[in-house]
Amino acid sequence: MKEVIVSNSMGVKARALFDLTKFRLSATVVFSSAVGFVLGATELSYGMLILFALAAFLTTAAANVINQIFEKDLDKLMSRTKSRPLPTGKISVNEAIVFSTLCLVVAMFILVYYFNLKAAGISFLSYVLYGYVYTPLKRKGPIAVAVGALPGAFPPMIGWLAATNQFGLEPGILFGIQFFWQFPHFWAIAWVLDEDYAKAGFRLLPSSGGRNINSALQIMTYTVVLLPLCWVPFYLGMTGISSAMIAMLFGVLFLIQTFHLMRKMDKKAATQLMFGSFIYLPVVQISFLLDKL
């Protein structure tokens, strides 16, 4: 009987640790990182790609755990997050700290030993910005979105640096596309979840009036920036003309959704924009990969 209890307890802990990583979110970060790695690699080694993806996942997981540690009491107030491991007591704060630290240490070891200090340094900066700067700023105002967009846009840049050990225009444009994409993406989410966020004191929409035309206008403005940016990888010789045209097409469709939000000003239109943002980035990045390969 004791063995069964211990086994069940270990199973609950293992599941809680897995949930702390926010696997689906971390997986999207790993994909963006892998895109940068493949685009930068002159000779692609799948073994090194897998090793880099592991480091990217562990770094992201470490930052996600820190975020949840700081917000454990706030998570209890929101319907979306009240069942997370820390608010429910499935795992303790000390256990979460140990897990986060272990993830970070292993990630940094992989990046330093097998790749280079540039990739490791930007990865560590991403961890610090997300866990210790963006997280507390979420209750201060929409400045949090701008700060959070930095670590959110680092993954493809880190991938390029891991493959090449070189800064330049190429990793800069990969960063830029993902940076500007995050504003309409995150503000669409904030529009949909505004009531739930308000329970925890999060004020993330760009306008002080919340769900109004000013917020919708700013969402549209950042989406417009993506249209010229999508051509830069082609002009830099990173990709071909087909991916630029695909990126342009999906950028226009994305932009149309922002106009729809400006016209309707409701949660349904924001939800459609949110799903549109989920589609836009992977489609663009996959088109870049297909051009490269």
Protein backbone atom coordinates (compact mmCIF):
# COMPACT_ATOMS: atom_id res chain seq x y z
CA MET A 1 0.00 0.00 0.00
CA LYS A 2 2.84 2.40 0.86
CA GLU A 3 4.49 1.68 -2.48
CA VAL A 4 1.24 2.58 -4.27
CA ILE A 5 0.95 5.85 -2.31
CA VAL A 6 4.57 6.76 -3.03
CA SER A 7 4.12 5.91 -6.69
CA ASN A 8 0.98 8.05 -6.94
CA SER A 9 2.70 10.91 -5.14
CA MET A 10 5.66 10.74 -7.53
CA GLY A 11 3.27 10.68 -10.47
CA VAL A 12 1.51 13.82 -9.21
CA LYS A 13 4.86 15.58 -8.73
CA ALA A 14 6.08 14.58 -12.18
CA ARG A 15 2.88 15.83 -13.76
CA ALA A 16 3.12 19.07 -11.79
CA LEU A 17 6.69 19.64 -12.97
CA PHE A 18 5.63 18.98 -16.55
CA ASP A 19 2.76 21.48 -16.20
CA LEU A 20 5.15 24.08 -14.79
CA THR A 21 7.10 24.05 -18.05
CA LYS A 22 3.99 25.28 -19.97
CA PHE A 23 4.88 22.68 -22.58
CA ARG A 24 2.81 24.05 -25.48
CA LEU A 25 4.14 27.58 -25.02
CA SER A 26 7.70 26.28 -24.61
CA ALA A 27 7.32 24.15 -27.74
CA THR A 28 6.45 27.22 -29.83
CA VAL A 29 9.56 28.94 -28.50
CA VAL A 30 11.66 25.91 -29.38
CA PHE A 31 10.24 25.91 -32.90
CA SER A 32 11.13 29.60 -33.42
CA SER A 33 14.61 28.92 -32.04
CA ALA A 34 15.03 25.96 -34.36
CA VAL A 35 13.99 28.09 -37.35
CA GLY A 36 16.80 30.54 -36.57
CA PHE A 37 19.26 27.67 -36.13
CA VAL A 38 18.38 26.05 -39.46
CA LEU A 39 18.44 29.36 -41.33
CA GLY A 40 21.86 30.16 -39.94
CA ALA A 41 23.46 26.73 -40.38
CA THR A 42 25.71 26.23 -43.40
CA GLU A 43 25.74 22.46 -42.85
CA LEU A 44 22.82 21.24 -40.78
CA SER A 45 23.55 18.61 -38.12
CA TYR A 46 20.33 17.12 -36.79
CA GLY A 47 22.11 15.97 -33.66
CA MET A 48 23.21 19.53 -32.86
CA LEU A 49 19.74 20.82 -33.74
CA ILE A 50 18.16 18.44 -31.23
CA LEU A 51 20.71 19.38 -28.58
CA PHE A 52 20.05 23.08 -29.18
CA ALA A 53 16.28 22.51 -29.05
CA LEU A 54 16.71 20.85 -25.65
CA ALA A 55 18.63 23.87 -24.35
CA ALA A 56 15.99 26.23 -25.73
CA PHE A 57 13.21 24.23 -24.07
CA LEU A 58 14.99 24.13 -20.70
CA THR A 59 15.71 27.87 -20.74
CA THR A 60 12.08 28.63 -21.56
CA ALA A 61 10.85 26.22 -18.91
CA ALA A 62 13.10 27.84 -16.29
CA ALA A 63 11.67 31.29 -17.09
CA ASN A 64 8.09 29.98 -17.08
CA VAL A 65 8.57 28.49 -13.63
CA ILE A 66 9.92 31.78 -12.23
CA ASN A 67 6.90 33.54 -13.72
CA GLN A 68 4.55 31.15 -11.96
CA ILE A 69 6.39 31.42 -8.64
CA PHE A 70 5.94 35.20 -8.60
CA GLU A 71 2.32 34.95 -9.71
CA LYS A 72 1.18 31.97 -7.62
CA ASP A 73 -1.16 34.07 -5.46
CA LEU A 74 -2.46 36.03 -8.45
CA ASP A 75 -3.05 32.81 -10.39
CA LYS A 76 -5.56 31.77 -7.72
CA LEU A 77 -7.73 34.74 -8.70
CA MET A 78 -8.05 33.93 -12.42
CA SER A 79 -10.18 31.16 -13.92
CA ARG A 80 -7.53 30.44 -16.55
CA THR A 81 -4.72 29.80 -14.07
CA LYS A 82 -6.23 28.75 -10.73
CA SER A 83 -5.62 25.05 -11.42
CA ARG A 84 -1.89 25.44 -12.02
CA PRO A 85 0.48 23.37 -9.82
CA LEU A 86 1.56 26.16 -7.44
CA PRO A 87 -1.89 27.65 -6.66
CA THR A 88 -3.28 24.15 -6.05
CA GLY A 89 -0.36 23.12 -3.84
CA LYS A 90 0.61 20.15 -6.01
CA ILE A 91 4.17 21.37 -5.75
CA SER A 92 5.91 23.71 -3.32
CA VAL A 93 7.69 26.96 -4.12
CA ASN A 94 11.02 25.47 -3.01
CA GLU A 95 10.55 22.49 -5.32
CA ALA A 96 9.69 24.85 -8.18
CA ILE A 97 12.83 26.94 -7.48
CA VAL A 98 15.04 23.83 -7.53
CA PHE A 99 13.43 22.65 -10.78
CA SER A 100 13.83 26.05 -12.46
CA THR A 101 17.46 26.33 -11.36
CA LEU A 102 18.25 22.83 -12.62
CA CYS A 103 16.66 23.56 -16.00
CA LEU A 104 18.63 26.79 -16.34
CA VAL A 105 21.96 25.27 -15.31
CA VAL A 106 21.64 22.37 -17.77
CA ALA A 107 20.58 24.75 -20.56
CA MET A 108 23.49 27.09 -19.96
CA PHE A 109 25.94 24.19 -19.84
CA ILE A 110 24.71 22.91 -23.21
CA LEU A 111 24.84 26.34 -24.84
CA VAL A 112 28.30 27.24 -23.50
CA TYR A 113 29.94 23.83 -23.99
CA TYR A 114 28.44 22.78 -27.33
CA PHE A 115 27.63 26.15 -28.91
CA ASN A 116 28.92 29.59 -27.91
CA LEU A 117 28.82 32.37 -25.33
CA LYS A 118 26.73 34.69 -27.52
CA ALA A 119 23.83 32.23 -27.66
CA ALA A 120 24.19 31.46 -23.96
CA GLY A 121 24.33 35.15 -23.02
CA ILE A 122 21.19 36.16 -24.96
CA SER A 123 19.40 33.08 -23.61
CA PHE A 124 20.26 34.07 -20.04
CA LEU A 125 19.17 37.66 -20.72
CA SER A 126 15.87 36.31 -22.06
CA TYR A 127 15.39 34.29 -18.86
CA VAL A 128 16.06 37.33 -16.67
CA LEU A 129 13.84 39.71 -18.66
CA TYR A 130 10.89 37.32 -18.74
CA GLY A 131 11.11 36.00 -15.20
CA TYR A 132 12.26 39.04 -13.24
CA VAL A 133 11.30 42.12 -15.29
CA TYR A 134 8.27 41.35 -17.45
CA THR A 135 6.46 39.39 -14.73
CA PRO A 136 6.27 42.16 -12.08
CA LEU A 137 5.55 44.79 -14.76
CA LYS A 138 2.29 43.06 -15.76
CA ARG A 139 0.49 44.86 -12.94
CA LYS A 140 2.06 48.22 -13.80
CA GLY A 141 0.63 48.72 -17.28
CA PRO A 142 1.10 47.99 -21.00
CA ILE A 143 4.84 48.70 -20.77
CA ALA A 144 5.02 45.05 -19.73
CA VAL A 145 4.07 43.99 -23.27
CA ALA A 146 6.98 45.93 -24.78
CA VAL A 147 9.41 44.46 -22.25
CA GLY A 148 7.99 40.96 -22.68
CA ALA A 149 8.30 41.26 -26.46
CA LEU A 150 12.10 41.31 -26.09
CA PRO A 151 12.58 37.81 -24.64
CA GLY A 152 9.66 36.70 -26.80
CA ALA A 153 11.55 37.75 -29.94
CA PHE A 154 14.98 36.44 -28.94
CA PRO A 155 14.45 32.72 -29.86
CA PRO A 156 15.16 32.87 -33.63
CA MET A 157 18.07 35.23 -32.97
CA ILE A 158 19.48 32.79 -30.40
CA GLY A 159 19.11 29.98 -32.91
CA TRP A 160 21.06 31.93 -35.54
CA LEU A 161 23.78 32.79 -33.01
CA ALA A 162 24.05 29.16 -31.89
CA ALA A 163 24.58 28.09 -35.51
CA THR A 164 26.90 30.90 -36.61
CA ASN A 165 28.36 32.62 -33.52
CA GLN A 166 27.81 35.88 -35.43
CA PHE A 167 25.58 38.91 -34.85
CA GLY A 168 24.38 40.80 -37.92
CA LEU A 169 21.41 41.94 -39.97
CA GLU A 170 20.15 38.38 -40.44
CA PRO A 171 19.47 37.57 -36.76
CA GLY A 172 18.32 41.16 -36.33
CA ILE A 173 15.51 40.79 -38.88
CA LEU A 174 14.44 37.44 -37.42
CA PHE A 175 14.22 39.22 -34.08
CA GLY A 176 12.35 42.17 -35.62
CA ILE A 177 9.63 40.10 -37.27
CA GLN A 178 8.89 38.19 -34.09
CA PHE A 179 9.13 41.36 -31.96
CA PHE A 180 6.49 43.31 -33.88
CA TRP A 181 4.26 40.24 -34.29
CA GLN A 182 3.96 39.93 -30.54
CA PHE A 183 2.07 43.20 -30.06
CA PRO A 184 -1.06 42.30 -32.05
CA HIS A 185 -0.73 38.71 -30.83
CA PHE A 186 -0.57 39.53 -27.14
CA TRP A 187 -3.01 42.43 -27.24
CA ALA A 188 -5.56 40.18 -28.94
CA ILE A 189 -5.15 37.72 -26.06
CA ALA A 190 -5.40 40.58 -23.55
CA TRP A 191 -8.61 41.77 -25.23
CA VAL A 192 -10.18 38.31 -25.00
CA LEU A 193 -9.08 37.74 -21.39
CA ASP A 194 -9.48 41.31 -20.15
CA GLU A 195 -11.97 40.47 -17.38
CA ASP A 196 -9.89 37.54 -16.12
CA TYR A 197 -6.69 39.61 -16.18
CA ALA A 198 -8.43 42.40 -14.28
CA LYS A 199 -9.04 40.02 -11.35
CA ALA A 200 -5.26 39.85 -10.84
CA GLY A 201 -4.69 43.55 -11.54
CA PHE A 202 -3.05 42.99 -14.93
CA ARG A 203 -3.42 46.03 -17.22
CA LEU A 204 -2.03 44.99 -20.57
CA LEU A 205 -4.12 46.59 -23.33
CA PRO A 206 -2.31 49.59 -24.86
CA SER A 207 -5.05 52.14 -24.14
CA SER A 208 -5.97 53.18 -20.61
CA GLY A 209 -9.58 52.76 -21.72
CA GLY A 210 -9.03 49.06 -22.32
CA ARG A 211 -11.17 47.59 -25.10
CA ASN A 212 -11.61 50.72 -27.18
CA ILE A 213 -10.75 52.10 -30.59
CA ASN A 214 -7.37 53.37 -29.41
CA SER A 215 -6.31 49.85 -28.43
CA ALA A 216 -7.60 48.48 -31.74
CA LEU A 217 -5.76 51.21 -33.68
CA GLN A 218 -2.45 50.38 -31.98
CA ILE A 219 -2.96 46.69 -32.72
CA MET A 220 -3.44 47.57 -36.38
CA THR A 221 -0.38 49.85 -36.45
CA TYR A 222 2.03 47.17 -35.24
CA THR A 223 0.57 44.69 -37.72
CA VAL A 224 1.27 47.09 -40.62
CA VAL A 225 4.97 47.05 -39.72
CA LEU A 226 5.11 43.33 -40.48
CA LEU A 227 4.36 43.88 -44.17
CA PRO A 228 7.69 45.48 -45.19
CA LEU A 229 9.65 43.40 -42.69
CA CYS A 230 8.61 40.14 -44.33
CA TRP A 231 10.58 41.09 -47.48
CA VAL A 232 13.87 41.78 -45.72
CA PRO A 233 15.03 38.12 -45.40
CA PHE A 234 14.64 37.83 -49.19
CA TYR A 235 16.68 41.00 -49.85
CA LEU A 236 19.38 39.75 -47.44
CA GLY A 237 19.61 36.48 -49.36
CA MET A 238 18.43 34.41 -46.40
CA THR A 239 15.34 33.08 -48.22
CA GLY A 240 13.73 33.12 -51.66
CA ILE A 241 10.95 35.10 -53.26
CA SER A 242 8.27 32.47 -52.58
CA SER A 243 8.51 32.81 -48.78
CA ALA A 244 8.40 36.62 -49.06
CA MET A 245 5.21 36.40 -51.09
CA ILE A 246 3.65 33.92 -48.63
CA ALA A 247 4.61 36.17 -45.72
CA MET A 248 3.12 39.16 -47.51
CA LEU A 249 -0.13 37.31 -48.22
CA PHE A 250 -0.59 36.17 -44.65
CA GLY A 251 0.47 39.60 -43.40
CA VAL A 252 -2.32 41.20 -45.41
CA LEU A 253 -4.83 38.65 -44.10
CA PHE A 254 -3.59 39.34 -40.58
CA LEU A 255 -3.99 43.08 -41.16
CA ILE A 256 -7.55 42.61 -42.45
CA GLN A 257 -8.41 40.95 -39.15
CA THR A 258 -7.23 44.04 -37.27
CA PHE A 259 -9.55 46.21 -39.38
CA HIS A 260 -12.35 43.78 -38.55
CA LEU A 261 -11.60 44.29 -34.86
CA MET A 262 -11.65 48.07 -35.31
CA ARG A 263 -15.07 47.78 -36.95
CA LYS A 264 -16.67 45.29 -34.55
CA MET A 265 -14.87 46.12 -31.29
CA ASP A 266 -15.97 42.88 -29.65
CA LYS A 267 -14.49 39.75 -28.11
CA LYS A 268 -15.40 37.57 -31.10
CA ALA A 269 -13.33 39.70 -33.47
CA ALA A 270 -10.45 39.72 -30.96
CA THR A 271 -10.64 35.92 -30.71
CA GLN A 272 -10.45 35.64 -34.50
CA LEU A 273 -7.43 37.96 -34.49
CA MET A 274 -5.81 35.90 -31.74
CA PHE A 275 -6.12 32.70 -33.78
CA GLY A 276 -4.95 34.60 -36.85
CA SER A 277 -1.79 35.53 -34.97
CA PHE A 278 -1.26 31.88 -34.01
CA ILE A 279 -1.39 30.99 -37.71
CA TYR A 280 0.69 33.89 -39.08
CA LEU A 281 4.05 33.32 -37.39
CA PRO A 282 4.47 29.54 -37.93
CA VAL A 283 3.31 29.85 -41.55
CA VAL A 284 5.88 32.58 -42.22
CA GLN A 285 8.65 30.72 -40.42
CA ILE A 286 7.84 27.41 -42.15
CA SER A 287 7.92 29.20 -45.51
CA PHE A 288 11.37 30.56 -44.61
CA LEU A 289 12.53 27.02 -43.78
CA LEU A 290 11.18 25.56 -47.01
CA ASP A 291 13.01 28.24 -48.99
CA LYS A 292 16.21 27.51 -47.10
CA LEU A 293 15.97 23.74 -47.45
